[in-house]
Amino acid sequence: MKLRSFLLWLLAFILMGTLAVYQRATGPTYPQKGSVVLQGKEYKFKLLRSQDSDKEAPVELEVPAGTKAIFRYKRFKSHDEWTAIELDEKNGKISTAIPMQPPAGKVEYQMAVFDGEKYIPLTDEPVIIRFKGPVPAFVLVPHVFFMFFAMVFSLRTGLEVLVKGRQTYWMTSVTLLLFLVGGLIMGPIVQKYAFDAYWTGWPFGHDLTDNKTLAAFIFWLIAWLVLRKNRENRLWPAIATVVMLAVYLIPHSVLGSELDYTELEAKPQTEIAP
């Protein structure tokens, strides 16, 4: 029994790690990576899609000596015209920076490098970067901790249902508590620091991160209430686990907070320094 329990916990951690990697790699804030061939050599690059609003977002690419590039940008959801600037290689790099934006402000940008014959765009479509307010570690770390273990306990509870174990109730209780603290208490605090709003999901908005957290919590609450009356019930813990998996298969930060510049008064943009 101890060996089985250990293996189930190990499996829950492995599944959680897999889902965490998937969420990070598929989310709209994960850096866009790629490579470009210049003078017969491959150069890799990483373009940021998320940045703290108290600093510029660097854009940098290693290139051969003498390489030139064109960098263009504009605020997303604005009436701005594209601003294009020419860049020259310095110390083996082409570099510039996207100016700071207020929390939830977005900028779309694209770089093309000259290979001696033509300009090659690094990406087929412009990259969109979103700025967010800095979140203190004393807020972010507990949030991540509680959400991580909420998922671990959720998966472990689902596995307990599969093997017809007798620990479903207390595991469901812990899962619910972790979600309450991590998702519905710490989550809005993180959101407030990042985007100056405690809650942007239903019924006030369509932020999928908030909505999926709420959905998962509701189903675990139902499962917990059912198990309080009938400890043998396996249907609702199973449903809550499936909902949780579906929730975590949705990339993080999809349909998140977004500033619409067209609704604001026109303000002069900060120029990007080459």
C-alpha atoms as a PDB file:
ATOM      1  CA  MET A   1       0.000   0.000   0.000  1.00  0.00           C
ATOM      2  CA  LYS A   2       2.851   2.395   0.836  1.00  0.00           C
ATOM      3  CA  LEU A   3       4.556   1.603  -2.451  1.00  0.00           C
ATOM      4  CA  ARG A   4       1.343   2.169  -4.375  1.00  0.00           C
ATOM      5  CA  SER A   5       0.772   5.491  -2.636  1.00  0.00           C
ATOM      6  CA  PHE A   6       4.348   6.585  -3.370  1.00  0.00           C
ATOM      7  CA  LEU A   7       4.004   5.679  -7.048  1.00  0.00           C
ATOM      8  CA  LEU A   8       0.686   7.531  -7.324  1.00  0.00           C
ATOM      9  CA  TRP A   9       2.181  10.648  -5.756  1.00  0.00           C
ATOM     10  CA  LEU A  10       5.180  10.381  -8.078  1.00  0.00           C
ATOM     11  CA  LEU A  11       2.872  10.077 -11.078  1.00  0.00           C
ATOM     12  CA  ALA A  12       0.886  13.122  -9.911  1.00  0.00           C
ATOM     13  CA  PHE A  13       4.086  15.202  -9.702  1.00  0.00           C
ATOM     14  CA  ILE A  14       5.228  14.029 -13.140  1.00  0.00           C
ATOM     15  CA  LEU A  15       1.862  14.874 -14.689  1.00  0.00           C
ATOM     16  CA  MET A  16       1.905  18.259 -12.996  1.00  0.00           C
ATOM     17  CA  GLY A  17       5.388  18.985 -14.315  1.00  0.00           C
ATOM     18  CA  THR A  18       4.302  18.032 -17.820  1.00  0.00           C
ATOM     19  CA  LEU A  19       1.255  20.285 -17.656  1.00  0.00           C
ATOM     20  CA  ALA A  20       3.333  23.153 -16.250  1.00  0.00           C
ATOM     21  CA  VAL A  21       5.796  22.917 -19.145  1.00  0.00           C
ATOM     22  CA  TYR A  22       2.917  22.732 -21.624  1.00  0.00           C
ATOM     23  CA  GLN A  23       1.241  25.793 -20.108  1.00  0.00           C
ATOM     24  CA  ARG A  24       4.427  27.828 -20.190  1.00  0.00           C
ATOM     25  CA  ALA A  25       5.413  26.803 -23.719  1.00  0.00           C
ATOM     26  CA  THR A  26       1.987  27.406 -25.295  1.00  0.00           C
ATOM     27  CA  GLY A  27       0.969  30.602 -23.525  1.00  0.00           C
ATOM     28  CA  PRO A  28       0.923  33.974 -25.323  1.00  0.00           C
ATOM     29  CA  THR A  29       3.554  35.417 -22.955  1.00  0.00           C
ATOM     30  CA  TYR A  30       6.203  32.762 -23.655  1.00  0.00           C
ATOM     31  CA  PRO A  31       9.126  34.184 -25.716  1.00  0.00           C
ATOM     32  CA  GLN A  32       8.947  33.435 -29.418  1.00  0.00           C
ATOM     33  CA  LYS A  33      12.070  31.573 -30.451  1.00  0.00           C
ATOM     34  CA  GLY A  34      13.517  30.942 -33.879  1.00  0.00           C
ATOM     35  CA  SER A  35      16.612  31.199 -36.027  1.00  0.00           C
ATOM     36  CA  VAL A  36      17.818  32.920 -39.175  1.00  0.00           C
ATOM     37  CA  VAL A  37      20.657  32.000 -41.555  1.00  0.00           C
ATOM     38  CA  LEU A  38      23.056  34.841 -42.353  1.00  0.00           C
ATOM     39  CA  GLN A  39      26.220  34.396 -44.406  1.00  0.00           C
ATOM     40  CA  GLY A  40      25.814  30.632 -44.185  1.00  0.00           C
ATOM     41  CA  LYS A  41      25.585  30.533 -40.389  1.00  0.00           C
ATOM     42  CA  GLU A  42      22.516  29.984 -38.222  1.00  0.00           C
ATOM     43  CA  TYR A  43      21.741  32.598 -35.585  1.00  0.00           C
ATOM     44  CA  LYS A  44      19.138  31.863 -32.926  1.00  0.00           C
ATOM     45  CA  PHE A  45      16.942  34.539 -31.418  1.00  0.00           C
ATOM     46  CA  LYS A  46      14.366  34.969 -28.661  1.00  0.00           C
ATOM     47  CA  LEU A  47      11.715  37.690 -28.885  1.00  0.00           C
ATOM     48  CA  LEU A  48      10.012  38.717 -25.662  1.00  0.00           C
ATOM     49  CA  ARG A  49       6.222  38.633 -25.381  1.00  0.00           C
ATOM     50  CA  SER A  50       5.978  39.794 -21.763  1.00  0.00           C
ATOM     51  CA  GLN A  51       7.818  42.470 -19.793  1.00  0.00           C
ATOM     52  CA  ASP A  52       7.483  44.424 -16.556  1.00  0.00           C
ATOM     53  CA  SER A  53       6.025  47.866 -17.150  1.00  0.00           C
ATOM     54  CA  ASP A  54       8.797  49.656 -15.236  1.00  0.00           C
ATOM     55  CA  LYS A  55      11.458  48.957 -17.858  1.00  0.00           C
ATOM     56  CA  GLU A  56      12.007  48.708 -21.580  1.00  0.00           C
ATOM     57  CA  ALA A  57      11.838  45.372 -23.362  1.00  0.00           C
ATOM     58  CA  PRO A  58      15.161  44.549 -25.042  1.00  0.00           C
ATOM     59  CA  VAL A  59      15.239  43.183 -28.587  1.00  0.00           C
ATOM     60  CA  GLU A  60      18.588  41.662 -29.470  1.00  0.00           C
ATOM     61  CA  LEU A  61      20.039  39.402 -32.152  1.00  0.00           C
ATOM     62  CA  GLU A  62      23.577  38.150 -32.736  1.00  0.00           C
ATOM     63  CA  VAL A  63      24.616  38.846 -36.343  1.00  0.00           C
ATOM     64  CA  PRO A  64      27.695  38.921 -38.590  1.00  0.00           C
ATOM     65  CA  ALA A  65      29.769  42.109 -38.723  1.00  0.00           C
ATOM     66  CA  GLY A  66      28.279  44.838 -40.869  1.00  0.00           C
ATOM     67  CA  THR A  67      24.702  43.496 -40.763  1.00  0.00           C
ATOM     68  CA  LYS A  68      21.874  45.976 -41.046  1.00  0.00           C
ATOM     69  CA  ALA A  69      18.266  45.587 -39.943  1.00  0.00           C
ATOM     70  CA  ILE A  70      14.939  47.374 -39.961  1.00  0.00           C
ATOM     71  CA  PHE A  71      12.843  47.391 -36.820  1.00  0.00           C
ATOM     72  CA  ARG A  72       9.198  48.468 -36.869  1.00  0.00           C
ATOM     73  CA  TYR A  73       6.644  48.752 -34.116  1.00  0.00           C
ATOM     74  CA  LYS A  74       3.355  50.280 -33.026  1.00  0.00           C
ATOM     75  CA  ARG A  75       1.066  50.083 -30.037  1.00  0.00           C
ATOM     76  CA  PHE A  76      -1.435  47.258 -30.317  1.00  0.00           C
ATOM     77  CA  LYS A  77      -5.085  48.299 -30.601  1.00  0.00           C
ATOM     78  CA  SER A  78      -4.209  51.884 -31.409  1.00  0.00           C
ATOM     79  CA  HIS A  79      -4.493  54.324 -34.273  1.00  0.00           C
ATOM     80  CA  ASP A  80      -0.697  54.531 -34.485  1.00  0.00           C
ATOM     81  CA  GLU A  81       1.114  54.285 -37.800  1.00  0.00           C
ATOM     82  CA  TRP A  82       4.014  51.873 -38.010  1.00  0.00           C
ATOM     83  CA  THR A  83       7.304  53.425 -36.908  1.00  0.00           C
ATOM     84  CA  ALA A  84      10.332  51.972 -38.693  1.00  0.00           C
ATOM     85  CA  ILE A  85      13.969  52.559 -37.773  1.00  0.00           C
ATOM     86  CA  GLU A  86      17.222  51.337 -39.285  1.00  0.00           C
ATOM     87  CA  LEU A  87      19.670  49.504 -37.070  1.00  0.00           C
ATOM     88  CA  ASP A  88      23.360  48.715 -37.513  1.00  0.00           C
ATOM     89  CA  GLU A  89      25.416  45.911 -36.004  1.00  0.00           C
ATOM     90  CA  LYS A  90      27.464  46.869 -32.964  1.00  0.00           C
ATOM     91  CA  ASN A  91      29.792  44.450 -31.196  1.00  0.00           C
ATOM     92  CA  GLY A  92      28.312  41.492 -33.079  1.00  0.00           C
ATOM     93  CA  LYS A  93      24.707  42.350 -32.257  1.00  0.00           C
ATOM     94  CA  ILE A  94      21.693  44.183 -33.565  1.00  0.00           C
ATOM     95  CA  SER A  95      19.887  45.622 -30.561  1.00  0.00           C
ATOM     96  CA  THR A  96      17.130  48.041 -29.640  1.00  0.00           C
ATOM     97  CA  ALA A  97      14.396  48.274 -27.011  1.00  0.00           C
ATOM     98  CA  ILE A  98      10.629  48.601 -26.908  1.00  0.00           C
ATOM     99  CA  PRO A  99       9.626  51.571 -24.718  1.00  0.00           C
ATOM    100  CA  MET A 100       7.836  51.046 -21.437  1.00  0.00           C
ATOM    101  CA  GLN A 101       4.059  50.741 -21.561  1.00  0.00           C
ATOM    102  CA  PRO A 102       1.443  50.904 -18.794  1.00  0.00           C
ATOM    103  CA  PRO A 103       0.215  47.597 -17.320  1.00  0.00           C
ATOM    104  CA  ALA A 104      -1.808  45.598 -19.884  1.00  0.00           C
ATOM    105  CA  GLY A 105      -0.441  47.759 -22.703  1.00  0.00           C
ATOM    106  CA  LYS A 106       0.698  45.849 -25.771  1.00  0.00           C
ATOM    107  CA  VAL A 107       3.098  46.603 -28.599  1.00  0.00           C
ATOM    108  CA  GLU A 108       3.415  44.693 -31.852  1.00  0.00           C
ATOM    109  CA  TYR A 109       6.847  44.635 -33.422  1.00  0.00           C
ATOM    110  CA  GLN A 110       8.870  42.976 -36.170  1.00  0.00           C
ATOM    111  CA  MET A 111      12.516  42.915 -37.217  1.00  0.00           C
ATOM    112  CA  ALA A 112      13.999  42.157 -40.633  1.00  0.00           C
ATOM    113  CA  VAL A 113      17.748  41.651 -41.190  1.00  0.00           C
ATOM    114  CA  PHE A 114      19.648  42.264 -44.433  1.00  0.00           C
ATOM    115  CA  ASP A 115      21.583  39.225 -45.642  1.00  0.00           C
ATOM    116  CA  GLY A 116      23.437  41.076 -48.404  1.00  0.00           C
ATOM    117  CA  GLU A 117      20.701  40.579 -50.989  1.00  0.00           C
ATOM    118  CA  LYS A 118      17.358  41.116 -49.288  1.00  0.00           C
ATOM    119  CA  TYR A 119      15.736  41.803 -45.954  1.00  0.00           C
ATOM    120  CA  ILE A 120      14.657  38.654 -44.112  1.00  0.00           C
ATOM    121  CA  PRO A 121      11.909  39.069 -41.467  1.00  0.00           C
ATOM    122  CA  LEU A 122      12.567  37.087 -38.302  1.00  0.00           C
ATOM    123  CA  THR A 123       8.867  36.229 -38.002  1.00  0.00           C
ATOM    124  CA  ASP A 124       6.083  35.931 -40.574  1.00  0.00           C
ATOM    125  CA  GLU A 125       3.761  38.040 -38.432  1.00  0.00           C
ATOM    126  CA  PRO A 126       4.522  40.811 -35.927  1.00  0.00           C
ATOM    127  CA  VAL A 127       5.206  39.670 -32.369  1.00  0.00           C
ATOM    128  CA  ILE A 128       2.907  41.051 -29.667  1.00  0.00           C
ATOM    129  CA  ILE A 129       4.388  41.854 -26.284  1.00  0.00           C
ATOM    130  CA  ARG A 130       2.291  42.687 -23.227  1.00  0.00           C
ATOM    131  CA  PHE A 131       3.563  44.771 -20.340  1.00  0.00           C
ATOM    132  CA  LYS A 132       2.586  44.054 -16.738  1.00  0.00           C
ATOM    133  CA  GLY A 133       3.206  45.637 -13.404  1.00  0.00           C
ATOM    134  CA  PRO A 134       6.017  44.075 -11.332  1.00  0.00           C
ATOM    135  CA  VAL A 135       4.708  41.479  -8.869  1.00  0.00           C
ATOM    136  CA  PRO A 136       6.689  41.218  -5.609  1.00  0.00           C
ATOM    137  CA  ALA A 137       8.192  37.820  -4.859  1.00  0.00           C
ATOM    138  CA  PHE A 138       6.401  37.660  -1.493  1.00  0.00           C
ATOM    139  CA  VAL A 139       3.117  37.650  -3.452  1.00  0.00           C
ATOM    140  CA  LEU A 140       4.068  35.688  -6.563  1.00  0.00           C
ATOM    141  CA  VAL A 141       5.929  32.832  -4.864  1.00  0.00           C
ATOM    142  CA  PRO A 142       3.048  31.819  -2.538  1.00  0.00           C
ATOM    143  CA  HIS A 143       0.598  32.061  -5.438  1.00  0.00           C
ATOM    144  CA  VAL A 144       2.691  29.733  -7.607  1.00  0.00           C
ATOM    145  CA  PHE A 145       3.308  27.385  -4.659  1.00  0.00           C
ATOM    146  CA  PHE A 146      -0.363  26.981  -3.781  1.00  0.00           C
ATOM    147  CA  MET A 147      -1.469  26.626  -7.410  1.00  0.00           C
ATOM    148  CA  PHE A 148       1.215  24.042  -8.119  1.00  0.00           C
ATOM    149  CA  PHE A 149       0.224  21.876  -5.182  1.00  0.00           C
ATOM    150  CA  ALA A 150      -3.478  22.402  -5.910  1.00  0.00           C
ATOM    151  CA  MET A 151      -2.842  20.730  -9.251  1.00  0.00           C
ATOM    152  CA  VAL A 152      -0.723  17.984  -7.681  1.00  0.00           C
ATOM    153  CA  PHE A 153      -3.446  17.163  -5.135  1.00  0.00           C
ATOM    154  CA  SER A 154      -6.104  17.355  -7.833  1.00  0.00           C
ATOM    155  CA  LEU A 155      -4.291  14.799  -9.960  1.00  0.00           C
ATOM    156  CA  ARG A 156      -3.562  12.640  -6.935  1.00  0.00           C
ATOM    157  CA  THR A 157      -7.243  12.703  -5.987  1.00  0.00           C
ATOM    158  CA  GLY A 158      -8.187  11.619  -9.488  1.00  0.00           C
ATOM    159  CA  LEU A 159      -5.711   8.750  -9.288  1.00  0.00           C
ATOM    160  CA  GLU A 160      -7.159   7.792  -5.899  1.00  0.00           C
ATOM    161  CA  VAL A 161     -10.557   7.527  -7.543  1.00  0.00           C
ATOM    162  CA  LEU A 162      -9.146   5.312 -10.283  1.00  0.00           C
ATOM    163  CA  VAL A 163      -7.607   2.845  -7.820  1.00  0.00           C
ATOM    164  CA  LYS A 164     -10.721   2.981  -5.617  1.00  0.00           C
ATOM    165  CA  GLY A 165      -8.756   4.197  -2.604  1.00  0.00           C
ATOM    166  CA  ARG A 166     -10.218   5.461   0.642  1.00  0.00           C
ATOM    167  CA  GLN A 167      -8.444   8.819   0.922  1.00  0.00           C
ATOM    168  CA  THR A 168     -10.532  10.732  -1.607  1.00  0.00           C
ATOM    169  CA  TYR A 169     -12.283  12.989   0.918  1.00  0.00           C
ATOM    170  CA  TRP A 170      -9.238  14.434   2.649  1.00  0.00           C
ATOM    171  CA  MET A 171      -7.413  14.850  -0.654  1.00  0.00           C
ATOM    172  CA  THR A 172     -10.408  16.708  -2.055  1.00  0.00           C
ATOM    173  CA  SER A 173     -10.470  18.900   1.059  1.00  0.00           C
ATOM    174  CA  VAL A 174      -6.796  19.816   0.642  1.00  0.00           C
ATOM    175  CA  THR A 175      -7.267  20.462  -3.089  1.00  0.00           C
ATOM    176  CA  LEU A 176     -10.166  22.804  -2.377  1.00  0.00           C
ATOM    177  CA  LEU A 177      -8.203  24.679   0.303  1.00  0.00           C
ATOM    178  CA  LEU A 178      -5.156  25.086  -1.949  1.00  0.00           C
ATOM    179  CA  PHE A 179      -7.331  26.437  -4.752  1.00  0.00           C
ATOM    180  CA  LEU A 180      -9.078  28.817  -2.405  1.00  0.00           C
ATOM    181  CA  VAL A 181      -5.816  30.301  -1.138  1.00  0.00           C
ATOM    182  CA  GLY A 182      -3.789  30.153  -4.357  1.00  0.00           C
ATOM    183  CA  GLY A 183      -6.472  30.923  -6.913  1.00  0.00           C
ATOM    184  CA  LEU A 184      -9.159  33.028  -5.253  1.00  0.00           C
ATOM    185  CA  ILE A 185      -7.080  34.868  -2.628  1.00  0.00           C
ATOM    186  CA  MET A 186      -3.500  35.119  -3.897  1.00  0.00           C
ATOM    187  CA  GLY A 187      -4.547  35.136  -7.577  1.00  0.00           C
ATOM    188  CA  PRO A 188      -6.471  38.438  -7.433  1.00  0.00           C
ATOM    189  CA  ILE A 189      -3.635  40.030  -5.448  1.00  0.00           C
ATOM    190  CA  VAL A 190      -1.177  39.037  -8.184  1.00  0.00           C
ATOM    191  CA  GLN A 191      -3.633  40.368 -10.759  1.00  0.00           C
ATOM    192  CA  LYS A 192      -3.884  43.687  -8.925  1.00  0.00           C
ATOM    193  CA  TYR A 193      -0.116  44.159  -8.930  1.00  0.00           C
ATOM    194  CA  ALA A 194       0.211  43.089 -12.579  1.00  0.00           C
ATOM    195  CA  PHE A 195      -2.792  44.788 -14.189  1.00  0.00           C
ATOM    196  CA  ASP A 196      -4.341  47.008 -11.498  1.00  0.00           C
ATOM    197  CA  ALA A 197      -7.504  44.886 -11.264  1.00  0.00           C
ATOM    198  CA  TYR A 198      -8.361  42.199  -8.745  1.00  0.00           C
ATOM    199  CA  TRP A 199     -10.657  40.244 -11.069  1.00  0.00           C
ATOM    200  CA  THR A 200     -11.153  40.425 -14.842  1.00  0.00           C
ATOM    201  CA  GLY A 201     -13.067  37.192 -15.341  1.00  0.00           C
ATOM    202  CA  TRP A 202     -16.809  36.537 -15.246  1.00  0.00           C
ATOM    203  CA  PRO A 203     -18.991  38.518 -14.676  1.00  0.00           C
ATOM    204  CA  PHE A 204     -16.719  41.556 -15.189  1.00  0.00           C
ATOM    205  CA  GLY A 205     -14.657  40.341 -18.134  1.00  0.00           C
ATOM    206  CA  HIS A 206     -13.499  37.381 -20.197  1.00  0.00           C
ATOM    207  CA  ASP A 207     -10.040  36.678 -18.772  1.00  0.00           C
ATOM    208  CA  LEU A 208      -9.666  32.906 -19.201  1.00  0.00           C
ATOM    209  CA  THR A 209      -7.119  32.640 -16.397  1.00  0.00           C
ATOM    210  CA  ASP A 210      -9.654  33.977 -13.897  1.00  0.00           C
ATOM    211  CA  ASN A 211     -12.556  32.062 -15.426  1.00  0.00           C
ATOM    212  CA  LYS A 212     -10.801  28.696 -15.485  1.00  0.00           C
ATOM    213  CA  THR A 213      -9.668  29.159 -11.872  1.00  0.00           C
ATOM    214  CA  LEU A 214     -13.239  29.890 -10.835  1.00  0.00           C
ATOM    215  CA  ALA A 215     -14.580  26.894 -12.801  1.00  0.00           C
ATOM    216  CA  ALA A 216     -12.075  24.506 -11.228  1.00  0.00           C
ATOM    217  CA  PHE A 217     -12.844  25.803  -7.736  1.00  0.00           C
ATOM    218  CA  ILE A 218     -16.620  25.436  -8.224  1.00  0.00           C
ATOM    219  CA  PHE A 219     -16.336  21.814  -9.341  1.00  0.00           C
ATOM    220  CA  TRP A 220     -14.018  20.927  -6.455  1.00  0.00           C
ATOM    221  CA  LEU A 221     -16.413  22.652  -4.056  1.00  0.00           C
ATOM    222  CA  ILE A 222     -19.269  20.521  -5.388  1.00  0.00           C
ATOM    223  CA  ALA A 223     -17.134  17.387  -5.069  1.00  0.00           C
ATOM    224  CA  TRP A 224     -16.250  18.288  -1.472  1.00  0.00           C
ATOM    225  CA  LEU A 225     -19.888  18.959  -0.524  1.00  0.00           C
ATOM    226  CA  VAL A 226     -20.987  15.635  -2.053  1.00  0.00           C
ATOM    227  CA  LEU A 227     -18.195  13.727  -0.276  1.00  0.00           C
ATOM    228  CA  ARG A 228     -19.159  15.246   3.073  1.00  0.00           C
ATOM    229  CA  LYS A 229     -22.448  13.366   2.820  1.00  0.00           C
ATOM    230  CA  ASN A 230     -21.176  10.299   0.997  1.00  0.00           C
ATOM    231  CA  ARG A 231     -17.482   9.429   1.371  1.00  0.00           C
ATOM    232  CA  GLU A 232     -17.869   6.636  -1.187  1.00  0.00           C
ATOM    233  CA  ASN A 233     -18.877   8.919  -4.018  1.00  0.00           C
ATOM    234  CA  ARG A 234     -16.394   8.779  -6.880  1.00  0.00           C
ATOM    235  CA  LEU A 235     -18.298  10.532  -9.637  1.00  0.00           C
ATOM    236  CA  TRP A 236     -17.835  14.132  -8.533  1.00  0.00           C
ATOM    237  CA  PRO A 237     -14.132  13.897  -7.644  1.00  0.00           C
ATOM    238  CA  ALA A 238     -13.614  12.303 -11.049  1.00  0.00           C
ATOM    239  CA  ILE A 239     -15.564  15.103 -12.764  1.00  0.00           C
ATOM    240  CA  ALA A 240     -13.614  17.749 -10.849  1.00  0.00           C
ATOM    241  CA  THR A 241     -10.324  16.151 -11.916  1.00  0.00           C
ATOM    242  CA  VAL A 242     -11.382  16.083 -15.574  1.00  0.00           C
ATOM    243  CA  VAL A 243     -12.442  19.736 -15.368  1.00  0.00           C
ATOM    244  CA  MET A 244      -9.102  20.552 -13.804  1.00  0.00           C
ATOM    245  CA  LEU A 245      -7.229  18.822 -16.633  1.00  0.00           C
ATOM    246  CA  ALA A 246      -9.329  20.642 -19.224  1.00  0.00           C
ATOM    247  CA  VAL A 247      -8.621  23.929 -17.451  1.00  0.00           C
ATOM    248  CA  TYR A 248      -4.855  23.372 -17.420  1.00  0.00           C
ATOM    249  CA  LEU A 249      -4.844  22.428 -21.096  1.00  0.00           C
ATOM    250  CA  ILE A 250      -5.893  26.025 -21.821  1.00  0.00           C
ATOM    251  CA  PRO A 251      -2.658  28.026 -22.235  1.00  0.00           C
ATOM    252  CA  HIS A 252      -1.936  30.483 -19.442  1.00  0.00           C
ATOM    253  CA  SER A 253      -2.864  34.181 -19.929  1.00  0.00           C
ATOM    254  CA  VAL A 254      -5.122  33.598 -22.950  1.00  0.00           C
ATOM    255  CA  LEU A 255      -7.611  36.491 -23.336  1.00  0.00           C
ATOM    256  CA  GLY A 256      -5.887  38.236 -20.464  1.00  0.00           C
ATOM    257  CA  SER A 257      -5.981  41.918 -19.508  1.00  0.00           C
ATOM    258  CA  GLU A 258      -5.443  44.173 -22.518  1.00  0.00           C
ATOM    259  CA  LEU A 259      -5.252  47.943 -22.797  1.00  0.00           C
ATOM    260  CA  ASP A 260      -7.202  49.472 -25.690  1.00  0.00           C
ATOM    261  CA  TYR A 261      -5.263  52.592 -26.676  1.00  0.00           C
ATOM    262  CA  THR A 262      -8.053  53.715 -29.002  1.00  0.00           C
ATOM    263  CA  GLU A 263     -10.141  54.422 -25.906  1.00  0.00           C
ATOM    264  CA  LEU A 264      -7.471  56.639 -24.392  1.00  0.00           C
ATOM    265  CA  GLU A 265      -6.462  60.137 -25.272  1.00  0.00           C
ATOM    266  CA  ALA A 266      -3.707  60.251 -27.874  1.00  0.00           C
ATOM    267  CA  LYS A 267      -0.320  60.564 -26.232  1.00  0.00           C
ATOM    268  CA  PRO A 268       3.078  60.981 -27.922  1.00  0.00           C
ATOM    269  CA  GLN A 269       5.059  57.754 -28.070  1.00  0.00           C
ATOM    270  CA  THR A 270       8.508  57.383 -26.587  1.00  0.00           C
ATOM    271  CA  GLU A 271      11.031  56.929 -29.353  1.00  0.00           C
ATOM    272  CA  ILE A 272      13.068  53.753 -29.465  1.00  0.00           C
ATOM    273  CA  ALA A 273      16.774  54.332 -29.224  1.00  0.00           C
ATOM    274  CA  PRO A 274      18.755  52.364 -31.829  1.00  0.00           C
END
